[in-house]
Amino acid sequence: MKNTLLGSLYLTLASSIWGGMYVVVKIVVSVIPPLELVWMRYLVAIAALLVIGLITRQNWRIEKRYFLLITAIGVIGNTISIVAQETGTMLSTAQMGAIITSSTPAFMVIFARLILKERLTLKKGISVCLATIGVLLIVGIGDVNMSGTLGGIALLIAALTWALMSVLVKLLPSDYPQIVVTTYSILVALIVLTPFVLPRLHEIHISELTHPTIWGGLLYLGIVSTAGGFLLWNRGLQMLNASSGGIFFFFQPVVGTLLGWLILGENIGVTFWIGSILILTGVLFVINEKK
C-alpha cells in the first residue's frame, strides 16, 4: 500500500507538471518552433540530469540486453510521441489535443494486457471511463473542429506511442535508477532529433532568446517539465501496474485548465468541477485497488 500511495504521488506530480507546461509552451513557442523547442528542452534536461547523476554518484552501467529496450523507449516515447503531440496540437486545436490524448490511459490498459499480461479488472475499466468522461466535460466537445484530419492523426499517434512507451518502461529492472534510464532515453531522442533540427536553428533569432521570459520558460521546460516530469513518471510507473498508472495522466487537463483560469484569465464553468470530481473518483478506484 505504501508503494501504491508513493507511486500515485509521483504520477500525480508528473502529470500536474505537464498540465502546467502548456501555459509556458504557449509563450515560448511564439519564438521557438515546436521541433526546435523539443530539442532545446532535451538539451537542457540532459545537462540537468547529468549534473544530478554525477552529484549523487549514479552507476551509469546498463546491461547490454536492455540497450535495445531503452533505445525503443527513447525513440517511441521521447521522440515520436512528443513531436507528434506538438505537431498535432499545431495542426488542430488545444481542445482536440486534450480529447484525443486522453485516450492514452485506455491504450495503456490494452498494451499492459498484451505485453505485460496484466489482469483487466472491473475497477480499472470504471476508473478509465469515469476519468475520460471527466476530461470531456472539462475540455468540452461542442466547439471542437474535427476538420484537422492530419492533426487528429498526429495526436492519435502521440497517444498510442506514449502509452506503449509507458508500458515498455515496466520491462526494465525495478532496481535500475530512474535518473539513469531517463537520461539515456532522452539522449536517444536528442541524437535522433539533431539531424532534423541543426539545419533549422539559424532561423531562430538569438536576440529573442535573451528575453527572461523565453530563457526562463526554456529552463522550466527542460529542468522541471522534462527532467523532473519524466523522472517522476517513470518512477511512479515502476511502483504501480502500468494499466493502473495511466489513470493519473488525466490530471494534465485539470491542472492545465486551472492554471489557464488563474494565470491567463480563461473562463471555466461548473463542468470543470464536475469533471475534476469524476477524475479524482477514478483515481481513488485505482489507489484502493490491491495490486
C-alpha atoms as a PDB file:
ATOM      1  CA  MET A   1       0.000   0.000   0.000  1.00  0.00           C
ATOM      2  CA  LYS A   2       2.930   2.324   0.741  1.00  0.00           C
ATOM      3  CA  ASN A   3       4.314   1.764  -2.763  1.00  0.00           C
ATOM      4  CA  THR A   4       0.865   2.395  -4.266  1.00  0.00           C
ATOM      5  CA  LEU A   5       0.494   5.721  -2.461  1.00  0.00           C
ATOM      6  CA  LEU A   6       4.058   6.807  -3.248  1.00  0.00           C
ATOM      7  CA  GLY A   7       3.729   5.760  -6.891  1.00  0.00           C
ATOM      8  CA  SER A   8       0.409   7.607  -7.075  1.00  0.00           C
ATOM      9  CA  LEU A   9       2.066  10.730  -5.685  1.00  0.00           C
ATOM     10  CA  TYR A  10       4.896  10.549  -8.267  1.00  0.00           C
ATOM     11  CA  LEU A  11       2.453  10.116 -11.172  1.00  0.00           C
ATOM     12  CA  THR A  12       0.183  12.910  -9.910  1.00  0.00           C
ATOM     13  CA  LEU A  13       3.136  15.308  -9.638  1.00  0.00           C
ATOM     14  CA  ALA A  14       4.407  14.378 -13.123  1.00  0.00           C
ATOM     15  CA  SER A  15       1.014  14.813 -14.749  1.00  0.00           C
ATOM     16  CA  SER A  16       0.415  18.091 -12.877  1.00  0.00           C
ATOM     17  CA  ILE A  17       3.795  19.435 -14.035  1.00  0.00           C
ATOM     18  CA  TRP A  18       2.894  18.572 -17.635  1.00  0.00           C
ATOM     19  CA  GLY A  19      -0.503  20.199 -17.213  1.00  0.00           C
ATOM     20  CA  GLY A  20       1.185  23.439 -16.177  1.00  0.00           C
ATOM     21  CA  MET A  21       3.639  23.111 -19.044  1.00  0.00           C
ATOM     22  CA  TYR A  22       1.051  24.217 -21.633  1.00  0.00           C
ATOM     23  CA  VAL A  23       0.933  27.743 -20.213  1.00  0.00           C
ATOM     24  CA  VAL A  24       4.725  28.031 -20.609  1.00  0.00           C
ATOM     25  CA  VAL A  25       4.763  26.424 -24.077  1.00  0.00           C
ATOM     26  CA  LYS A  26       2.095  28.868 -25.237  1.00  0.00           C
ATOM     27  CA  ILE A  27       4.545  31.710 -24.539  1.00  0.00           C
ATOM     28  CA  VAL A  28       7.852  30.122 -25.628  1.00  0.00           C
ATOM     29  CA  VAL A  29       6.554  28.583 -28.889  1.00  0.00           C
ATOM     30  CA  SER A  30       5.916  32.101 -30.222  1.00  0.00           C
ATOM     31  CA  VAL A  31       9.717  32.445 -30.504  1.00  0.00           C
ATOM     32  CA  ILE A  32      10.971  28.850 -30.804  1.00  0.00           C
ATOM     33  CA  PRO A  33       9.193  26.496 -33.278  1.00  0.00           C
ATOM     34  CA  PRO A  34       7.852  23.173 -31.845  1.00  0.00           C
ATOM     35  CA  LEU A  35      10.571  20.803 -33.149  1.00  0.00           C
ATOM     36  CA  GLU A  36      13.409  23.103 -32.092  1.00  0.00           C
ATOM     37  CA  LEU A  37      11.713  23.636 -28.734  1.00  0.00           C
ATOM     38  CA  VAL A  38      11.592  19.892 -28.040  1.00  0.00           C
ATOM     39  CA  TRP A  39      15.287  19.603 -28.985  1.00  0.00           C
ATOM     40  CA  MET A  40      16.287  22.537 -26.746  1.00  0.00           C
ATOM     41  CA  ARG A  41      14.188  21.133 -23.874  1.00  0.00           C
ATOM     42  CA  TYR A  42      16.076  17.860 -24.138  1.00  0.00           C
ATOM     43  CA  LEU A  43      19.438  19.627 -24.298  1.00  0.00           C
ATOM     44  CA  VAL A  44      18.686  21.451 -21.033  1.00  0.00           C
ATOM     45  CA  ALA A  45      17.238  18.275 -19.486  1.00  0.00           C
ATOM     46  CA  ILE A  46      20.323  16.193 -20.353  1.00  0.00           C
ATOM     47  CA  ALA A  47      22.609  18.776 -18.731  1.00  0.00           C
ATOM     48  CA  ALA A  48      20.466  18.843 -15.576  1.00  0.00           C
ATOM     49  CA  LEU A  49      20.224  15.044 -15.339  1.00  0.00           C
ATOM     50  CA  LEU A  50      23.984  14.575 -15.833  1.00  0.00           C
ATOM     51  CA  VAL A  51      24.767  17.088 -13.078  1.00  0.00           C
ATOM     52  CA  ILE A  52      22.319  15.414 -10.675  1.00  0.00           C
ATOM     53  CA  GLY A  53      23.640  11.976 -11.645  1.00  0.00           C
ATOM     54  CA  LEU A  54      27.269  12.983 -11.031  1.00  0.00           C
ATOM     55  CA  ILE A  55      26.455  14.643  -7.695  1.00  0.00           C
ATOM     56  CA  THR A  56      24.548  11.560  -6.495  1.00  0.00           C
ATOM     57  CA  ARG A  57      27.249   9.267  -7.947  1.00  0.00           C
ATOM     58  CA  GLN A  58      24.908   7.125 -10.016  1.00  0.00           C
ATOM     59  CA  ASN A  59      26.038   3.886 -11.595  1.00  0.00           C
ATOM     60  CA  TRP A  60      25.606   4.522 -15.332  1.00  0.00           C
ATOM     61  CA  ARG A  61      26.201   0.913 -16.361  1.00  0.00           C
ATOM     62  CA  ILE A  62      23.315  -0.768 -18.215  1.00  0.00           C
ATOM     63  CA  GLU A  63      23.272  -4.428 -19.206  1.00  0.00           C
ATOM     64  CA  LYS A  64      23.653  -4.894 -22.968  1.00  0.00           C
ATOM     65  CA  ARG A  65      20.379  -6.815 -23.223  1.00  0.00           C
ATOM     66  CA  TYR A  66      18.489  -3.657 -22.173  1.00  0.00           C
ATOM     67  CA  PHE A  67      20.158  -1.302 -24.683  1.00  0.00           C
ATOM     68  CA  LEU A  68      17.567  -2.017 -27.365  1.00  0.00           C
ATOM     69  CA  LEU A  69      14.691  -1.520 -24.907  1.00  0.00           C
ATOM     70  CA  ILE A  70      15.997   1.852 -23.717  1.00  0.00           C
ATOM     71  CA  THR A  71      16.555   2.890 -27.341  1.00  0.00           C
ATOM     72  CA  ALA A  72      12.943   1.924 -28.103  1.00  0.00           C
ATOM     73  CA  ILE A  73      11.710   3.959 -25.119  1.00  0.00           C
ATOM     74  CA  GLY A  74      13.712   6.973 -26.338  1.00  0.00           C
ATOM     75  CA  VAL A  75      12.535   6.704 -29.952  1.00  0.00           C
ATOM     76  CA  ILE A  76       8.891   5.783 -29.287  1.00  0.00           C
ATOM     77  CA  GLY A  77       8.135   7.947 -26.244  1.00  0.00           C
ATOM     78  CA  ASN A  78      10.653  10.781 -26.133  1.00  0.00           C
ATOM     79  CA  THR A  79      10.849  11.343 -29.894  1.00  0.00           C
ATOM     80  CA  ILE A  80       7.830  10.163 -31.902  1.00  0.00           C
ATOM     81  CA  SER A  81       5.224  10.816 -29.199  1.00  0.00           C
ATOM     82  CA  ILE A  82       6.399  14.292 -28.173  1.00  0.00           C
ATOM     83  CA  VAL A  83       6.954  15.509 -31.757  1.00  0.00           C
ATOM     84  CA  ALA A  84       3.585  14.054 -32.846  1.00  0.00           C
ATOM     85  CA  GLN A  85       1.875  15.791 -29.924  1.00  0.00           C
ATOM     86  CA  GLU A  86       3.470  19.162 -30.755  1.00  0.00           C
ATOM     87  CA  THR A  87       2.647  18.739 -34.459  1.00  0.00           C
ATOM     88  CA  GLY A  88      -0.914  17.579 -33.800  1.00  0.00           C
ATOM     89  CA  THR A  89      -1.638  20.484 -31.466  1.00  0.00           C
ATOM     90  CA  MET A  90      -0.198  22.920 -34.024  1.00  0.00           C
ATOM     91  CA  LEU A  91      -2.354  21.479 -36.847  1.00  0.00           C
ATOM     92  CA  SER A  92      -5.543  21.207 -34.809  1.00  0.00           C
ATOM     93  CA  THR A  93      -6.703  22.780 -31.545  1.00  0.00           C
ATOM     94  CA  ALA A  94      -5.826  22.505 -27.870  1.00  0.00           C
ATOM     95  CA  GLN A  95      -9.299  21.037 -27.233  1.00  0.00           C
ATOM     96  CA  MET A  96      -8.842  18.294 -29.811  1.00  0.00           C
ATOM     97  CA  GLY A  97      -5.397  17.631 -28.349  1.00  0.00           C
ATOM     98  CA  ALA A  98      -6.827  17.197 -24.869  1.00  0.00           C
ATOM     99  CA  ILE A  99      -9.624  14.907 -26.069  1.00  0.00           C
ATOM    100  CA  ILE A 100      -7.520  12.608 -28.266  1.00  0.00           C
ATOM    101  CA  THR A 101      -4.513  12.344 -25.929  1.00  0.00           C
ATOM    102  CA  SER A 102      -6.903  11.498 -23.082  1.00  0.00           C
ATOM    103  CA  SER A 103      -7.224   8.102 -24.808  1.00  0.00           C
ATOM    104  CA  THR A 104      -3.669   7.305 -23.615  1.00  0.00           C
ATOM    105  CA  PRO A 105      -4.751   5.504 -20.388  1.00  0.00           C
ATOM    106  CA  ALA A 106      -7.113   3.248 -22.358  1.00  0.00           C
ATOM    107  CA  PHE A 107      -4.268   2.320 -24.712  1.00  0.00           C
ATOM    108  CA  MET A 108      -2.050   1.682 -21.674  1.00  0.00           C
ATOM    109  CA  VAL A 109      -4.594  -0.828 -20.353  1.00  0.00           C
ATOM    110  CA  ILE A 110      -4.548  -2.636 -23.735  1.00  0.00           C
ATOM    111  CA  PHE A 111      -0.734  -2.644 -24.062  1.00  0.00           C
ATOM    112  CA  ALA A 112      -0.329  -3.756 -20.426  1.00  0.00           C
ATOM    113  CA  ARG A 113      -2.582  -6.708 -21.158  1.00  0.00           C
ATOM    114  CA  LEU A 114      -0.791  -7.645 -24.407  1.00  0.00           C
ATOM    115  CA  ILE A 115       2.822  -7.068 -23.311  1.00  0.00           C
ATOM    116  CA  LEU A 116       2.852  -7.467 -19.509  1.00  0.00           C
ATOM    117  CA  LYS A 117      -0.121  -9.863 -19.253  1.00  0.00           C
ATOM    118  CA  GLU A 118      -1.675  -7.643 -16.573  1.00  0.00           C
ATOM    119  CA  ARG A 119      -5.156  -8.673 -15.486  1.00  0.00           C
ATOM    120  CA  LEU A 120      -8.042  -6.476 -16.584  1.00  0.00           C
ATOM    121  CA  THR A 121     -10.393  -5.660 -13.710  1.00  0.00           C
ATOM    122  CA  LEU A 122     -13.778  -4.008 -13.396  1.00  0.00           C
ATOM    123  CA  LYS A 123     -12.287  -1.249 -11.218  1.00  0.00           C
ATOM    124  CA  LYS A 124      -9.710  -0.375 -13.906  1.00  0.00           C
ATOM    125  CA  GLY A 125     -12.438  -0.182 -16.530  1.00  0.00           C
ATOM    126  CA  ILE A 126     -14.675   2.002 -14.351  1.00  0.00           C
ATOM    127  CA  SER A 127     -11.797   4.316 -13.383  1.00  0.00           C
ATOM    128  CA  VAL A 128     -10.781   4.923 -17.027  1.00  0.00           C
ATOM    129  CA  CYS A 129     -14.409   5.530 -18.064  1.00  0.00           C
ATOM    130  CA  LEU A 130     -15.061   7.992 -15.209  1.00  0.00           C
ATOM    131  CA  ALA A 131     -11.852   9.917 -15.890  1.00  0.00           C
ATOM    132  CA  THR A 132     -12.491  10.024 -19.655  1.00  0.00           C
ATOM    133  CA  ILE A 133     -15.973  11.476 -19.095  1.00  0.00           C
ATOM    134  CA  GLY A 134     -14.381  13.967 -16.694  1.00  0.00           C
ATOM    135  CA  VAL A 135     -11.897  15.115 -19.361  1.00  0.00           C
ATOM    136  CA  LEU A 136     -14.657  15.508 -21.956  1.00  0.00           C
ATOM    137  CA  LEU A 137     -16.631  17.663 -19.515  1.00  0.00           C
ATOM    138  CA  ILE A 138     -13.576  19.837 -18.771  1.00  0.00           C
ATOM    139  CA  VAL A 139     -12.418  20.497 -22.331  1.00  0.00           C
ATOM    140  CA  GLY A 140     -15.893  20.405 -23.916  1.00  0.00           C
ATOM    141  CA  ILE A 141     -16.809  18.712 -27.174  1.00  0.00           C
ATOM    142  CA  GLY A 142     -19.301  21.122 -28.700  1.00  0.00           C
ATOM    143  CA  ASP A 143     -16.851  23.532 -30.336  1.00  0.00           C
ATOM    144  CA  VAL A 144     -14.201  21.068 -31.439  1.00  0.00           C
ATOM    145  CA  ASN A 145     -13.373  21.398 -35.111  1.00  0.00           C
ATOM    146  CA  MET A 146     -12.755  17.881 -36.385  1.00  0.00           C
ATOM    147  CA  SER A 147     -11.628  19.078 -39.821  1.00  0.00           C
ATOM    148  CA  GLY A 148      -7.939  18.990 -38.867  1.00  0.00           C
ATOM    149  CA  THR A 149      -7.563  15.385 -40.012  1.00  0.00           C
ATOM    150  CA  LEU A 150      -3.749  15.396 -40.099  1.00  0.00           C
ATOM    151  CA  GLY A 151      -3.651  16.993 -36.675  1.00  0.00           C
ATOM    152  CA  GLY A 152      -6.027  14.361 -35.313  1.00  0.00           C
ATOM    153  CA  ILE A 153      -3.938  11.533 -36.786  1.00  0.00           C
ATOM    154  CA  ALA A 154      -0.747  13.024 -35.281  1.00  0.00           C
ATOM    155  CA  LEU A 155      -2.408  13.310 -31.853  1.00  0.00           C
ATOM    156  CA  LEU A 156      -3.644   9.713 -32.053  1.00  0.00           C
ATOM    157  CA  ILE A 157      -0.085   8.584 -32.870  1.00  0.00           C
ATOM    158  CA  ALA A 158       1.127  10.609 -29.866  1.00  0.00           C
ATOM    159  CA  ALA A 159      -1.383   8.900 -27.556  1.00  0.00           C
ATOM    160  CA  LEU A 160      -0.547   5.405 -28.862  1.00  0.00           C
ATOM    161  CA  THR A 161       3.236   5.839 -28.663  1.00  0.00           C
ATOM    162  CA  TRP A 162       3.175   7.414 -25.181  1.00  0.00           C
ATOM    163  CA  ALA A 163       1.037   4.528 -23.919  1.00  0.00           C
ATOM    164  CA  LEU A 164       3.409   1.980 -25.476  1.00  0.00           C
ATOM    165  CA  MET A 165       6.466   3.733 -24.017  1.00  0.00           C
ATOM    166  CA  SER A 166       4.878   3.828 -20.540  1.00  0.00           C
ATOM    167  CA  VAL A 167       4.330   0.057 -20.675  1.00  0.00           C
ATOM    168  CA  LEU A 168       7.833  -0.668 -22.041  1.00  0.00           C
ATOM    169  CA  VAL A 169       9.323   1.146 -19.006  1.00  0.00           C
ATOM    170  CA  LYS A 170       7.877  -1.659 -16.861  1.00  0.00           C
ATOM    171  CA  LEU A 171      10.082  -4.198 -18.681  1.00  0.00           C
ATOM    172  CA  LEU A 172      13.245  -2.644 -17.223  1.00  0.00           C
ATOM    173  CA  PRO A 173      14.539  -3.969 -13.874  1.00  0.00           C
ATOM    174  CA  SER A 174      12.993  -2.006 -10.991  1.00  0.00           C
ATOM    175  CA  ASP A 175      16.413  -1.602  -9.360  1.00  0.00           C
ATOM    176  CA  TYR A 176      17.744   0.482 -12.285  1.00  0.00           C
ATOM    177  CA  PRO A 177      17.962   4.134 -11.123  1.00  0.00           C
ATOM    178  CA  GLN A 178      15.288   6.128 -12.956  1.00  0.00           C
ATOM    179  CA  ILE A 179      17.692   9.034 -13.432  1.00  0.00           C
ATOM    180  CA  VAL A 180      19.955   6.735 -15.496  1.00  0.00           C
ATOM    181  CA  VAL A 181      17.083   5.303 -17.575  1.00  0.00           C
ATOM    182  CA  THR A 182      15.603   8.776 -18.167  1.00  0.00           C
ATOM    183  CA  THR A 183      18.985  10.249 -19.148  1.00  0.00           C
ATOM    184  CA  TYR A 184      19.708   7.514 -21.687  1.00  0.00           C
ATOM    185  CA  SER A 185      16.214   7.645 -23.226  1.00  0.00           C
ATOM    186  CA  ILE A 186      16.348  11.446 -23.591  1.00  0.00           C
ATOM    187  CA  LEU A 187      19.870  11.142 -25.053  1.00  0.00           C
ATOM    188  CA  VAL A 188      18.498   8.755 -27.697  1.00  0.00           C
ATOM    189  CA  ALA A 189      15.769  11.287 -28.564  1.00  0.00           C
ATOM    190  CA  LEU A 190      18.336  14.089 -28.753  1.00  0.00           C
ATOM    191  CA  ILE A 191      20.506  12.072 -31.167  1.00  0.00           C
ATOM    192  CA  VAL A 192      17.512  11.228 -33.378  1.00  0.00           C
ATOM    193  CA  LEU A 193      16.254  14.853 -33.487  1.00  0.00           C
ATOM    194  CA  THR A 194      19.619  16.590 -34.018  1.00  0.00           C
ATOM    195  CA  PRO A 195      19.936  15.980 -37.830  1.00  0.00           C
ATOM    196  CA  PHE A 196      16.459  17.483 -38.346  1.00  0.00           C
ATOM    197  CA  VAL A 197      16.973  20.473 -36.034  1.00  0.00           C
ATOM    198  CA  LEU A 198      20.529  21.694 -36.775  1.00  0.00           C
ATOM    199  CA  PRO A 199      19.777  22.930 -40.343  1.00  0.00           C
ATOM    200  CA  ARG A 200      16.866  24.986 -38.970  1.00  0.00           C
ATOM    201  CA  LEU A 201      18.496  26.588 -35.922  1.00  0.00           C
ATOM    202  CA  HIS A 202      19.680  29.636 -37.893  1.00  0.00           C
ATOM    203  CA  GLU A 203      16.033  30.652 -38.373  1.00  0.00           C
ATOM    204  CA  ILE A 204      15.686  31.424 -34.640  1.00  0.00           C
ATOM    205  CA  HIS A 205      16.610  34.999 -33.678  1.00  0.00           C
ATOM    206  CA  ILE A 206      19.191  34.777 -30.885  1.00  0.00           C
ATOM    207  CA  SER A 207      18.212  38.214 -29.555  1.00  0.00           C
ATOM    208  CA  GLU A 208      14.714  36.922 -28.731  1.00  0.00           C
ATOM    209  CA  LEU A 209      16.179  34.053 -26.685  1.00  0.00           C
ATOM    210  CA  THR A 210      17.803  36.536 -24.294  1.00  0.00           C
ATOM    211  CA  HIS A 211      14.425  37.725 -23.009  1.00  0.00           C
ATOM    212  CA  PRO A 212      13.984  36.490 -19.395  1.00  0.00           C
ATOM    213  CA  THR A 213      10.506  35.100 -20.135  1.00  0.00           C
ATOM    214  CA  ILE A 214      11.819  32.955 -23.005  1.00  0.00           C
ATOM    215  CA  TRP A 215      15.016  31.574 -21.468  1.00  0.00           C
ATOM    216  CA  GLY A 216      13.258  31.206 -18.106  1.00  0.00           C
ATOM    217  CA  GLY A 217      10.484  29.247 -19.816  1.00  0.00           C
ATOM    218  CA  LEU A 218      13.046  27.110 -21.630  1.00  0.00           C
ATOM    219  CA  LEU A 219      14.822  26.288 -18.354  1.00  0.00           C
ATOM    220  CA  TYR A 220      11.480  25.376 -16.765  1.00  0.00           C
ATOM    221  CA  LEU A 221      10.567  23.118 -19.696  1.00  0.00           C
ATOM    222  CA  GLY A 222      13.982  21.436 -19.676  1.00  0.00           C
ATOM    223  CA  ILE A 223      14.622  21.025 -15.955  1.00  0.00           C
ATOM    224  CA  VAL A 224      11.182  20.831 -14.315  1.00  0.00           C
ATOM    225  CA  SER A 225       8.885  19.557 -17.060  1.00  0.00           C
ATOM    226  CA  THR A 226      11.256  17.231 -18.954  1.00  0.00           C
ATOM    227  CA  ALA A 227      13.910  16.051 -16.492  1.00  0.00           C
ATOM    228  CA  GLY A 228      11.698  16.220 -13.386  1.00  0.00           C
ATOM    229  CA  GLY A 229       8.463  15.135 -15.068  1.00  0.00           C
ATOM    230  CA  PHE A 230       9.980  12.135 -16.855  1.00  0.00           C
ATOM    231  CA  LEU A 231      11.803  11.025 -13.704  1.00  0.00           C
ATOM    232  CA  LEU A 232       8.608  11.143 -11.630  1.00  0.00           C
ATOM    233  CA  TRP A 233       6.504   9.438 -14.326  1.00  0.00           C
ATOM    234  CA  ASN A 234       8.940   6.575 -14.920  1.00  0.00           C
ATOM    235  CA  ARG A 235       9.480   6.029 -11.184  1.00  0.00           C
ATOM    236  CA  GLY A 236       5.743   6.075 -10.486  1.00  0.00           C
ATOM    237  CA  LEU A 237       5.095   3.522 -13.228  1.00  0.00           C
ATOM    238  CA  GLN A 238       7.657   1.179 -11.655  1.00  0.00           C
ATOM    239  CA  MET A 239       5.621   1.220  -8.417  1.00  0.00           C
ATOM    240  CA  LEU A 240       2.163   0.592  -9.926  1.00  0.00           C
ATOM    241  CA  ASN A 241       0.605  -1.639 -12.547  1.00  0.00           C
ATOM    242  CA  ALA A 242       1.013   0.029 -15.956  1.00  0.00           C
ATOM    243  CA  SER A 243      -2.726  -0.166 -16.623  1.00  0.00           C
ATOM    244  CA  SER A 244      -3.479   1.497 -13.274  1.00  0.00           C
ATOM    245  CA  GLY A 245      -0.775   4.157 -13.636  1.00  0.00           C
ATOM    246  CA  GLY A 246      -2.296   5.541 -16.813  1.00  0.00           C
ATOM    247  CA  ILE A 247      -5.281   6.997 -14.963  1.00  0.00           C
ATOM    248  CA  PHE A 248      -3.046   9.708 -13.473  1.00  0.00           C
ATOM    249  CA  PHE A 249      -2.470  11.042 -16.990  1.00  0.00           C
ATOM    250  CA  PHE A 250      -5.878  12.709 -16.642  1.00  0.00           C
ATOM    251  CA  PHE A 251      -4.502  15.291 -14.184  1.00  0.00           C
ATOM    252  CA  GLN A 252      -2.936  17.118 -17.151  1.00  0.00           C
ATOM    253  CA  PRO A 253      -6.125  18.765 -18.477  1.00  0.00           C
ATOM    254  CA  VAL A 254      -7.294  19.529 -14.925  1.00  0.00           C
ATOM    255  CA  VAL A 255      -4.116  21.412 -13.990  1.00  0.00           C
ATOM    256  CA  GLY A 256      -3.789  22.971 -17.454  1.00  0.00           C
ATOM    257  CA  THR A 257      -7.349  24.322 -17.351  1.00  0.00           C
ATOM    258  CA  LEU A 258      -6.997  25.500 -13.749  1.00  0.00           C
ATOM    259  CA  LEU A 259      -3.756  27.380 -14.467  1.00  0.00           C
ATOM    260  CA  GLY A 260      -5.274  28.832 -17.634  1.00  0.00           C
ATOM    261  CA  TRP A 261      -8.018  30.246 -15.409  1.00  0.00           C
ATOM    262  CA  LEU A 262      -5.636  31.535 -12.715  1.00  0.00           C
ATOM    263  CA  ILE A 263      -2.832  32.897 -14.935  1.00  0.00           C
ATOM    264  CA  LEU A 264      -4.326  33.558 -18.372  1.00  0.00           C
ATOM    265  CA  GLY A 265      -7.788  34.602 -17.224  1.00  0.00           C
ATOM    266  CA  GLU A 266      -9.558  31.862 -19.194  1.00  0.00           C
ATOM    267  CA  ASN A 267     -13.128  31.036 -18.162  1.00  0.00           C
ATOM    268  CA  ILE A 268     -14.112  27.767 -16.509  1.00  0.00           C
ATOM    269  CA  GLY A 269     -17.624  26.661 -15.635  1.00  0.00           C
ATOM    270  CA  VAL A 270     -19.368  24.195 -13.368  1.00  0.00           C
ATOM    271  CA  THR A 271     -18.497  21.360 -15.792  1.00  0.00           C
ATOM    272  CA  PHE A 272     -14.811  21.802 -14.865  1.00  0.00           C
ATOM    273  CA  TRP A 273     -15.520  20.999 -11.218  1.00  0.00           C
ATOM    274  CA  ILE A 274     -17.824  18.077 -12.085  1.00  0.00           C
ATOM    275  CA  GLY A 275     -15.200  16.703 -14.480  1.00  0.00           C
ATOM    276  CA  SER A 276     -12.455  17.095 -11.853  1.00  0.00           C
ATOM    277  CA  ILE A 277     -14.541  15.181  -9.290  1.00  0.00           C
ATOM    278  CA  LEU A 278     -15.054  12.330 -11.786  1.00  0.00           C
ATOM    279  CA  ILE A 279     -11.307  12.172 -12.490  1.00  0.00           C
ATOM    280  CA  LEU A 280     -10.473  12.132  -8.774  1.00  0.00           C
ATOM    281  CA  THR A 281     -13.064   9.382  -8.242  1.00  0.00           C
ATOM    282  CA  GLY A 282     -11.400   7.321 -10.966  1.00  0.00           C
ATOM    283  CA  VAL A 283      -8.015   7.857  -9.318  1.00  0.00           C
ATOM    284  CA  LEU A 284      -9.369   6.725  -5.928  1.00  0.00           C
ATOM    285  CA  PHE A 285     -10.596   3.489  -7.557  1.00  0.00           C
ATOM    286  CA  VAL A 286      -7.002   2.824  -8.665  1.00  0.00           C
ATOM    287  CA  ILE A 287      -5.393   3.716  -5.305  1.00  0.00           C
ATOM    288  CA  ASN A 288      -7.776   1.442  -3.399  1.00  0.00           C
ATOM    289  CA  GLU A 289      -7.311  -1.495  -5.752  1.00  0.00           C
ATOM    290  CA  LYS A 290      -4.963  -4.185  -4.474  1.00  0.00           C
ATOM    291  CA  LYS A 291      -2.025  -4.908  -6.768  1.00  0.00           C
END
